[in-house]
Amino acid sequence: MSDSQKSGINRRTLLKGAAGLTAAATFFPSMFAIGGQAKVKVGLLLPHTGTYAKLGNNIKDALELRIHQAGGQLGGREVEIVSLDSEAKPPKASELTNKLIKKENVDFLVGPVHSVVGMSMVKLARKNGIITVIPNAGANQLTGSLCAPNIFRTSFSSFQPGFPGGTAMLEDGHKRVVLMYWNYGFGKQVAAAFKQSFLAGGGTIVKEIPTPFPKVDFQAYLTEVAALEPDAVFTFYAGGGAVKFVKDYAAAGLNKKIPLYGAGFLTEGVTGAQGAAAEGVRTTLHYADSLDLPANHRFRAAFQKSYGRSADVYAVQGYDAGDLLIQGMNAVQGDTSVGARAEMIAAMESSTIDSPRGKFTFSKSHNPIQNIYLREVVNGENRVVRTVAEALEDPAEGCKIA
């Protein structure tokens, strides 16, 4: 679905937790009348169908929740959200981004989930100067070679979950590993970051196995893993692919003899579908359900109450995107004119986000400087084992503003 539709949302609807999501424009009523002042338009480009639909839905819902908690306003102005379904399909990215910018005349862009969609979106955002917040797509380039003053990210770079993965496995005593990942841009970047720390620390890659994206036929590869008898396996898979991989790994009996590790997306938001197969899987990520932080407890309770389901890292990133917009707009008292843009960007650059993941700030390239945790699935929950990297900053290779 690519055309935007408009539907109302009020406090009662949000607290009940609407189950369904479509590509929609959502209207937040303000607490006070704003005489003659136009609504702030926030354009979302997220997937609501296909493999990454759940990710897009959680980002959108959490962003709406954060704005609702601020009285449904940004800088004292009512908010209208215009949401298009990216379907995580790169060929549609330019058309849909242009529609939000030129036809819908949005004041901000938020999105996407898929990194290749993000490339097209960011290139157009740079050209048009529109302030853009990336709540998931992790391609290094987005805050690296494609960085710009108007581009911010509230999620991660692919370097951030990958690099500490190598450190964590060495700390756990695993020196001979098989590396498996979906063979597309983001998967390759995660793998490269993992190798950077793992090899430097004295580890050995027994075999590197890139698998076709988005295919989920893993049995033949797992037979090969069993024959190689590594100390452990490190992976990148996400969404439905992660569910299938973890289940196949357990079905092959590998979980009983070869520990499974991965970038956090391997178990994030999918442990329910993975069931017992996920128990004991260890992953590296900037968030864990069990983080004992006041901001995390408040957020998880509010999200559960509003939508009737548990939050995950994707929801956290959407929530923090909302917080960043709130801080930027409050700094300029709701002024979205070109003349106020520099002041708004400066406020966003210097902001501290009191996130459910722990407080974080932004690097010069506008990527989060954040902790990375080693998590282990215990009784279906990603529980923190330890912090493997504190205040990890992405190298931002190629960024001219850094």
Protein backbone atom coordinates (compact mmCIF):
# COMPACT_ATOMS: atom_id res chain seq x y z
CA MET A 1 0.00 0.00 0.00
CA SER A 2 1.70 3.20 -1.06
CA ASP A 3 -1.03 5.86 -0.92
CA SER A 4 -1.51 7.69 2.35
CA GLN A 5 -4.83 7.50 4.11
CA LYS A 6 -6.05 9.64 6.99
CA SER A 7 -7.63 8.40 10.18
CA GLY A 8 -8.10 9.90 13.61
CA ILE A 9 -6.48 8.80 16.83
CA ASN A 10 -7.37 9.97 20.29
CA ARG A 11 -6.32 9.18 23.83
CA ARG A 12 -8.91 6.44 24.25
CA THR A 13 -7.86 4.73 21.03
CA LEU A 14 -4.18 4.87 21.95
CA LEU A 15 -4.70 3.51 25.44
CA LYS A 16 -6.79 0.66 24.13
CA GLY A 17 -3.99 -0.17 21.76
CA ALA A 18 -5.22 -0.43 18.21
CA ALA A 19 -4.04 -3.78 16.85
CA GLY A 20 -4.00 -3.05 13.12
CA LEU A 21 -1.71 -0.72 11.22
CA THR A 22 -2.13 0.60 7.71
CA ALA A 23 -0.32 3.27 5.76
CA ALA A 24 -2.17 6.11 7.41
CA ALA A 25 -1.98 9.73 8.40
CA THR A 26 -2.64 9.97 12.13
CA PHE A 27 -3.92 13.15 13.71
CA PHE A 28 -2.99 14.03 17.29
CA PRO A 29 -5.47 16.50 18.82
CA SER A 30 -3.74 19.15 20.92
CA MET A 31 -4.73 19.99 24.47
CA PHE A 32 -5.19 23.65 23.61
CA ALA A 33 -6.43 25.42 20.53
CA ILE A 34 -3.66 26.89 18.40
CA GLY A 35 -5.19 29.78 16.57
CA GLY A 36 -4.53 29.52 12.87
CA GLN A 37 -1.30 27.59 13.27
CA ALA A 38 -0.71 24.78 10.78
CA LYS A 39 -0.19 21.26 12.00
CA VAL A 40 3.33 19.84 11.97
CA LYS A 41 3.48 17.12 9.33
CA VAL A 42 5.73 14.15 10.05
CA GLY A 43 6.20 11.81 7.09
CA LEU A 44 6.88 8.15 7.87
CA LEU A 45 8.32 5.70 5.36
CA LEU A 46 8.18 2.31 7.07
CA PRO A 47 7.17 -1.23 6.07
CA HIS A 48 3.72 -2.39 7.15
CA THR A 49 3.60 -5.45 4.90
CA GLY A 50 6.16 -8.15 4.16
CA THR A 51 9.10 -9.52 6.16
CA TYR A 52 9.74 -6.34 8.13
CA ALA A 53 6.13 -5.35 8.81
CA LYS A 54 6.35 -5.94 12.56
CA LEU A 55 9.41 -3.72 12.77
CA GLY A 56 7.68 -0.87 10.97
CA ASN A 57 4.54 -1.22 13.06
CA ASN A 58 6.43 -1.09 16.35
CA ILE A 59 8.44 1.94 15.28
CA LYS A 60 5.31 3.82 14.23
CA ASP A 61 3.34 2.92 17.34
CA ALA A 62 6.14 3.90 19.71
CA LEU A 63 6.76 7.22 17.95
CA GLU A 64 3.05 8.01 18.25
CA LEU A 65 3.15 7.03 21.92
CA ARG A 66 6.02 9.42 22.64
CA ILE A 67 4.30 12.31 20.88
CA HIS A 68 1.07 11.51 22.73
CA GLN A 69 2.96 11.67 26.03
CA ALA A 70 4.05 15.19 25.05
CA GLY A 71 0.42 16.24 24.75
CA GLY A 72 0.19 15.32 21.08
CA GLN A 73 2.29 18.31 20.16
CA LEU A 74 5.69 19.25 18.77
CA GLY A 75 6.82 22.69 19.88
CA GLY A 76 3.26 23.59 20.85
CA ARG A 77 1.73 22.60 17.50
CA GLU A 78 -0.65 19.81 16.65
CA VAL A 79 0.84 16.87 14.78
CA GLU A 80 -0.30 15.07 11.66
CA ILE A 81 1.51 11.88 10.72
CA VAL A 82 1.52 10.89 7.07
CA SER A 83 2.59 7.26 6.76
CA LEU A 84 3.47 5.38 3.59
CA ASP A 85 4.18 1.66 3.37
CA SER A 86 7.72 1.24 2.07
CA GLU A 87 7.16 -2.53 1.74
CA ALA A 88 10.96 -2.62 2.32
CA LYS A 89 11.29 -2.46 -1.48
CA PRO A 90 14.20 -0.28 -2.68
CA PRO A 91 12.74 0.36 -6.19
CA LYS A 92 9.84 2.27 -4.59
CA ALA A 93 11.94 4.31 -2.19
CA SER A 94 12.58 7.38 -4.33
CA GLU A 95 8.98 7.64 -5.52
CA LEU A 96 7.57 7.36 -1.99
CA THR A 97 10.11 9.74 -0.47
CA ASN A 98 9.36 12.32 -3.16
CA LYS A 99 5.67 11.92 -2.49
CA LEU A 100 6.15 12.74 1.19
CA ILE A 101 8.39 15.72 0.46
CA LYS A 102 6.72 17.25 -2.59
CA LYS A 103 3.08 16.17 -2.51
CA GLU A 104 2.46 15.88 1.22
CA ASN A 105 4.86 18.73 2.08
CA VAL A 106 5.95 17.10 5.32
CA ASP A 107 8.12 19.01 7.77
CA PHE A 108 10.10 15.95 8.86
CA LEU A 109 10.94 12.52 7.49
CA VAL A 110 11.16 9.43 9.69
CA GLY A 111 12.30 6.09 8.31
CA PRO A 112 13.10 3.61 7.03
CA VAL A 113 13.73 0.04 8.28
CA HIS A 114 15.57 -1.40 5.28
CA SER A 115 19.08 0.00 4.66
CA VAL A 116 18.87 0.06 0.86
CA VAL A 117 15.60 1.99 1.09
CA GLY A 118 17.47 4.30 3.44
CA MET A 119 20.11 5.08 0.82
CA SER A 120 17.53 6.47 -1.60
CA MET A 121 15.62 8.25 1.12
CA VAL A 122 18.68 9.96 2.59
CA LYS A 123 19.98 11.10 -0.80
CA LEU A 124 16.69 12.91 -1.45
CA ALA A 125 16.53 14.28 2.09
CA ARG A 126 20.03 15.70 1.70
CA LYS A 127 19.05 17.34 -1.57
CA ASN A 128 15.90 18.90 -0.10
CA GLY A 129 17.39 19.79 3.29
CA ILE A 130 14.49 18.23 5.19
CA ILE A 131 15.33 17.09 8.72
CA THR A 132 15.29 13.30 8.73
CA VAL A 133 15.40 10.81 11.59
CA ILE A 134 16.35 7.20 10.86
CA PRO A 135 14.74 4.87 13.43
CA ASN A 136 16.27 1.61 12.21
CA ALA A 137 18.21 1.31 8.93
CA GLY A 138 21.77 0.58 10.01
CA ALA A 139 23.91 0.93 6.89
CA ASN A 140 27.16 2.58 7.92
CA GLN A 141 26.93 5.02 5.00
CA LEU A 142 23.80 6.73 6.35
CA THR A 143 25.84 8.48 9.03
CA GLY A 144 29.11 7.88 7.19
CA SER A 145 29.67 8.89 3.58
CA LEU A 146 26.04 10.08 3.25
CA CYS A 147 26.01 12.05 6.50
CA ALA A 148 24.59 15.55 6.46
CA PRO A 149 23.60 18.22 9.02
CA ASN A 150 19.91 17.35 8.56
CA ILE A 151 20.29 13.55 8.91
CA PHE A 152 20.02 11.91 12.35
CA ARG A 153 19.81 8.29 13.44
CA THR A 154 18.24 6.98 16.68
CA SER A 155 19.06 3.33 16.07
CA PHE A 156 22.58 2.08 15.31
CA SER A 157 25.14 1.65 12.58
CA SER A 158 25.88 -1.89 11.43
CA PHE A 159 29.30 -1.49 13.04
CA GLN A 160 27.79 -1.14 16.51
CA PRO A 161 26.22 -4.61 17.04
CA GLY A 162 28.87 -6.34 14.89
CA PHE A 163 32.15 -5.10 16.37
CA PRO A 164 31.37 -6.01 20.02
CA GLY A 165 30.23 -9.46 18.86
CA GLY A 166 33.83 -10.44 18.22
CA THR A 167 34.89 -9.12 21.62
CA ALA A 168 32.09 -10.98 23.39
CA MET A 169 32.91 -14.33 21.79
CA LEU A 170 36.59 -14.03 22.63
CA GLU A 171 35.71 -13.12 26.22
CA ASP A 172 33.53 -16.25 26.33
CA GLY A 173 36.46 -18.36 25.18
CA HIS A 174 35.43 -19.06 21.57
CA LYS A 175 38.38 -18.74 19.19
CA ARG A 176 37.35 -20.86 16.17
CA VAL A 177 34.03 -19.73 14.72
CA VAL A 178 31.86 -20.04 11.64
CA LEU A 179 30.46 -16.72 10.40
CA MET A 180 27.04 -16.81 8.69
CA TYR A 181 24.92 -13.93 7.44
CA TRP A 182 22.41 -12.79 4.86
CA ASN A 183 24.44 -11.69 1.85
CA TYR A 184 23.31 -8.10 1.34
CA GLY A 185 24.73 -4.74 2.34
CA PHE A 186 23.82 -4.64 6.00
CA GLY A 187 24.66 -8.28 6.63
CA LYS A 188 28.07 -7.84 5.03
CA GLN A 189 28.80 -4.76 7.12
CA VAL A 190 27.87 -6.54 10.37
CA ALA A 191 30.13 -9.43 9.37
CA ALA A 192 33.01 -7.08 8.54
CA ALA A 193 32.74 -5.31 11.91
CA PHE A 194 32.67 -8.67 13.70
CA LYS A 195 35.80 -9.81 11.89
CA GLN A 196 37.56 -6.55 12.72
CA SER A 197 37.48 -7.18 16.47
CA PHE A 198 37.52 -10.99 16.41
CA LEU A 199 40.56 -11.39 14.20
CA ALA A 200 42.46 -8.60 15.94
CA GLY A 201 41.85 -10.39 19.23
CA GLY A 202 43.38 -13.64 17.98
CA GLY A 203 40.25 -15.42 16.76
CA THR A 204 40.04 -17.61 13.65
CA ILE A 205 37.18 -17.71 11.12
CA VAL A 206 36.90 -21.42 10.28
CA LYS A 207 34.55 -20.59 7.41
CA GLU A 208 32.53 -17.60 6.26
CA ILE A 209 29.12 -18.55 4.83
CA PRO A 210 27.11 -15.74 3.20
CA THR A 211 23.58 -16.95 2.37
CA PRO A 212 21.22 -15.44 -0.24
CA PHE A 213 18.85 -12.72 1.00
CA PRO A 214 15.98 -13.13 1.76
CA LYS A 215 16.00 -16.92 1.31
CA VAL A 216 15.61 -19.08 4.41
CA ASP A 217 16.86 -22.45 3.19
CA PHE A 218 19.53 -23.16 5.80
CA GLN A 219 19.67 -26.94 6.17
CA ALA A 220 22.58 -27.57 3.77
CA TYR A 221 24.67 -24.84 5.41
CA LEU A 222 23.98 -26.22 8.88
CA THR A 223 25.12 -29.67 7.79
CA GLU A 224 28.39 -28.06 6.79
CA VAL A 225 28.65 -26.25 10.14
CA ALA A 226 28.21 -29.54 11.99
CA ALA A 227 31.05 -31.08 9.98
CA LEU A 228 33.38 -28.14 10.68
CA GLU A 229 32.91 -28.44 14.46
CA PRO A 230 33.71 -24.81 15.35
CA ASP A 231 33.76 -23.47 18.91
CA ALA A 232 30.71 -21.37 18.10
CA VAL A 233 28.76 -19.65 15.31
CA PHE A 234 28.17 -15.90 14.84
CA THR A 235 25.31 -14.76 12.59
CA PHE A 236 23.23 -11.95 11.22
CA TYR A 237 19.59 -12.74 10.45
CA ALA A 238 16.44 -10.81 11.34
CA GLY A 239 12.66 -11.08 11.30
CA GLY A 240 11.22 -14.21 9.74
CA GLY A 241 14.68 -15.31 8.62
CA ALA A 242 15.89 -15.24 12.22
CA VAL A 243 12.95 -17.37 13.35
CA LYS A 244 13.65 -19.96 10.67
CA PHE A 245 17.41 -20.00 11.28
CA VAL A 246 17.19 -20.47 15.05
CA LYS A 247 14.57 -23.21 14.69
CA ASP A 248 16.59 -25.01 12.02
CA TYR A 249 19.74 -24.71 14.14
CA ALA A 250 17.99 -26.40 17.06
CA ALA A 251 16.30 -28.99 14.85
CA ALA A 252 19.74 -30.00 13.58
CA GLY A 253 20.84 -30.51 17.18
CA LEU A 254 23.56 -27.86 16.89
CA ASN A 255 22.29 -25.82 19.85
CA LYS A 256 23.32 -28.66 22.17
CA LYS A 257 26.98 -28.65 21.12
CA ILE A 258 27.89 -25.44 19.22
CA PRO A 259 26.90 -22.16 20.97
CA LEU A 260 25.01 -19.74 18.73
CA TYR A 261 25.73 -16.01 18.78
CA GLY A 262 24.61 -13.15 16.55
CA ALA A 263 23.86 -9.50 16.15
CA GLY A 264 20.88 -8.79 18.40
CA PHE A 265 18.31 -8.98 15.62
CA LEU A 266 18.68 -12.77 15.70
CA THR A 267 16.41 -12.93 18.74
CA GLU A 268 14.99 -9.42 19.01
CA GLY A 269 11.20 -9.41 18.97
CA VAL A 270 11.00 -13.01 17.70
CA THR A 271 11.69 -15.20 20.73
CA GLY A 272 7.98 -15.99 21.00
CA ALA A 273 7.99 -17.46 17.51
CA GLN A 274 11.32 -19.21 18.09
CA GLY A 275 10.15 -20.85 21.31
CA ALA A 276 12.50 -23.23 23.09
CA ALA A 277 14.93 -23.15 20.16
CA ALA A 278 16.04 -19.65 21.19
CA GLU A 279 17.01 -20.60 24.75
CA GLY A 280 20.69 -19.90 25.39
CA VAL A 281 21.29 -17.91 22.20
CA ARG A 282 23.57 -14.94 22.88
CA THR A 283 23.44 -11.67 20.95
CA THR A 284 24.97 -8.19 21.02
CA LEU A 285 22.73 -5.14 20.84
CA HIS A 286 22.12 -1.68 22.28
CA TYR A 287 18.96 -2.76 24.12
CA ALA A 288 17.59 -5.63 26.16
CA ASP A 289 14.06 -6.19 27.46
CA SER A 290 15.39 -6.71 30.97
CA LEU A 291 17.41 -3.50 31.36
CA ASP A 292 16.77 -2.34 34.91
CA LEU A 293 16.37 1.35 34.16
CA PRO A 294 13.46 3.62 35.20
CA ALA A 295 13.06 4.86 31.61
CA ASN A 296 12.82 1.27 30.35
CA HIS A 297 10.26 0.24 32.97
CA ARG A 298 8.10 3.28 32.19
CA PHE A 299 8.33 2.74 28.46
CA ARG A 300 7.55 -0.96 28.50
CA ALA A 301 4.54 -0.44 30.77
CA ALA A 302 3.18 2.37 28.59
CA PHE A 303 3.68 0.45 25.34
CA GLN A 304 2.03 -2.67 26.76
CA LYS A 305 -0.92 -0.65 28.05
CA SER A 306 -1.35 1.24 24.79
CA TYR A 307 -0.98 -1.60 22.31
CA GLY A 308 -1.48 -4.84 24.21
CA ARG A 309 1.91 -6.29 23.27
CA SER A 310 5.50 -6.14 24.47
CA ALA A 311 7.96 -3.55 23.21
CA ASP A 312 11.23 -4.43 21.48
CA VAL A 313 14.30 -2.58 20.23
CA TYR A 314 12.44 -1.35 17.14
CA ALA A 315 9.82 0.27 19.34
CA VAL A 316 12.60 1.83 21.45
CA GLN A 317 14.15 3.38 18.33
CA GLY A 318 10.80 4.82 17.22
CA TYR A 319 10.15 6.15 20.71
CA ASP A 320 13.54 7.86 20.76
CA ALA A 321 12.93 9.32 17.29
CA GLY A 322 9.82 10.95 18.74
CA ASP A 323 11.83 12.28 21.69
CA LEU A 324 14.43 13.79 19.36
CA LEU A 325 11.73 15.57 17.35
CA ILE A 326 10.19 16.88 20.56
CA GLN A 327 13.50 18.32 21.76
CA GLY A 328 14.27 19.89 18.40
CA MET A 329 10.85 21.49 18.02
CA ASN A 330 10.71 22.72 21.61
CA ALA A 331 14.03 24.51 21.07
CA VAL A 332 12.54 26.62 18.27
CA GLN A 333 9.03 26.85 19.74
CA GLY A 334 7.50 24.97 16.84
CA ASP A 335 9.10 27.01 14.05
CA THR A 336 9.63 24.73 11.05
CA SER A 337 10.72 27.48 8.67
CA VAL A 338 14.03 27.25 6.84
CA GLY A 339 15.31 30.13 8.96
CA ALA A 340 14.91 28.11 12.16
CA ARG A 341 16.45 24.93 10.77
CA ALA A 342 20.04 25.60 11.90
CA GLU A 343 18.92 26.31 15.45
CA MET A 344 16.78 23.18 15.50
CA ILE A 345 19.64 21.02 14.20
CA ALA A 346 21.98 22.48 16.83
CA ALA A 347 19.48 21.58 19.56
CA MET A 348 19.13 18.05 18.22
CA GLU A 349 22.92 17.64 17.97
CA SER A 350 23.39 18.59 21.62
CA SER A 351 20.42 16.64 22.96
CA THR A 352 20.61 13.78 25.44
CA ILE A 353 17.98 11.10 24.95
CA ASP A 354 16.79 9.47 28.19
CA SER A 355 16.16 6.26 26.31
CA PRO A 356 14.86 2.89 27.53
CA ARG A 357 18.27 1.58 26.35
CA GLY A 358 20.08 4.02 28.67
CA LYS A 359 20.91 7.67 28.10
CA PHE A 360 22.75 8.45 24.89
CA THR A 361 24.07 11.42 22.98
CA PHE A 362 24.93 11.94 19.33
CA SER A 363 28.28 11.79 17.59
CA LYS A 364 29.38 14.52 15.20
CA SER A 365 27.92 12.39 12.39
CA HIS A 366 24.57 12.24 14.27
CA ASN A 367 24.73 8.55 15.16
CA PRO A 368 24.02 7.42 18.76
CA ILE A 369 26.96 7.00 21.12
CA GLN A 370 25.62 4.09 23.14
CA ASN A 371 26.30 1.01 25.23
CA ILE A 372 26.22 -2.43 23.60
CA TYR A 373 25.05 -5.34 25.74
CA LEU A 374 25.61 -9.08 25.52
CA ARG A 375 22.19 -10.71 26.00
CA GLU A 376 21.14 -14.32 26.47
CA VAL A 377 17.67 -15.73 25.89
CA VAL A 378 16.35 -17.11 29.19
CA ASN A 379 12.72 -18.21 29.39
CA GLY A 380 11.95 -16.36 26.17
CA GLU A 381 13.48 -13.04 27.27
CA ASN A 382 16.68 -11.34 26.15
CA ARG A 383 18.46 -10.85 29.46
CA VAL A 384 21.61 -8.80 29.93
CA VAL A 385 24.73 -10.85 30.61
CA ARG A 386 27.10 -7.87 30.65
CA THR A 387 27.97 -4.63 28.88
CA VAL A 388 30.54 -5.46 26.21
CA ALA A 389 31.10 -1.90 24.91
CA GLU A 390 30.45 1.34 26.77
CA ALA A 391 29.57 4.52 24.86
CA LEU A 392 30.50 2.93 21.55
CA GLU A 393 30.83 5.47 18.76
CA ASP A 394 30.62 4.53 15.10
CA PRO A 395 33.79 5.41 13.11
CA ALA A 396 31.63 7.33 10.59
CA GLU A 397 33.99 6.63 7.71
CA GLY A 398 33.66 9.15 4.90
CA CYS A 399 31.53 11.63 6.89
CA LYS A 400 32.45 15.19 5.99
CA ILE A 401 30.66 16.85 8.94
CA ALA A 402 32.31 14.65 11.58
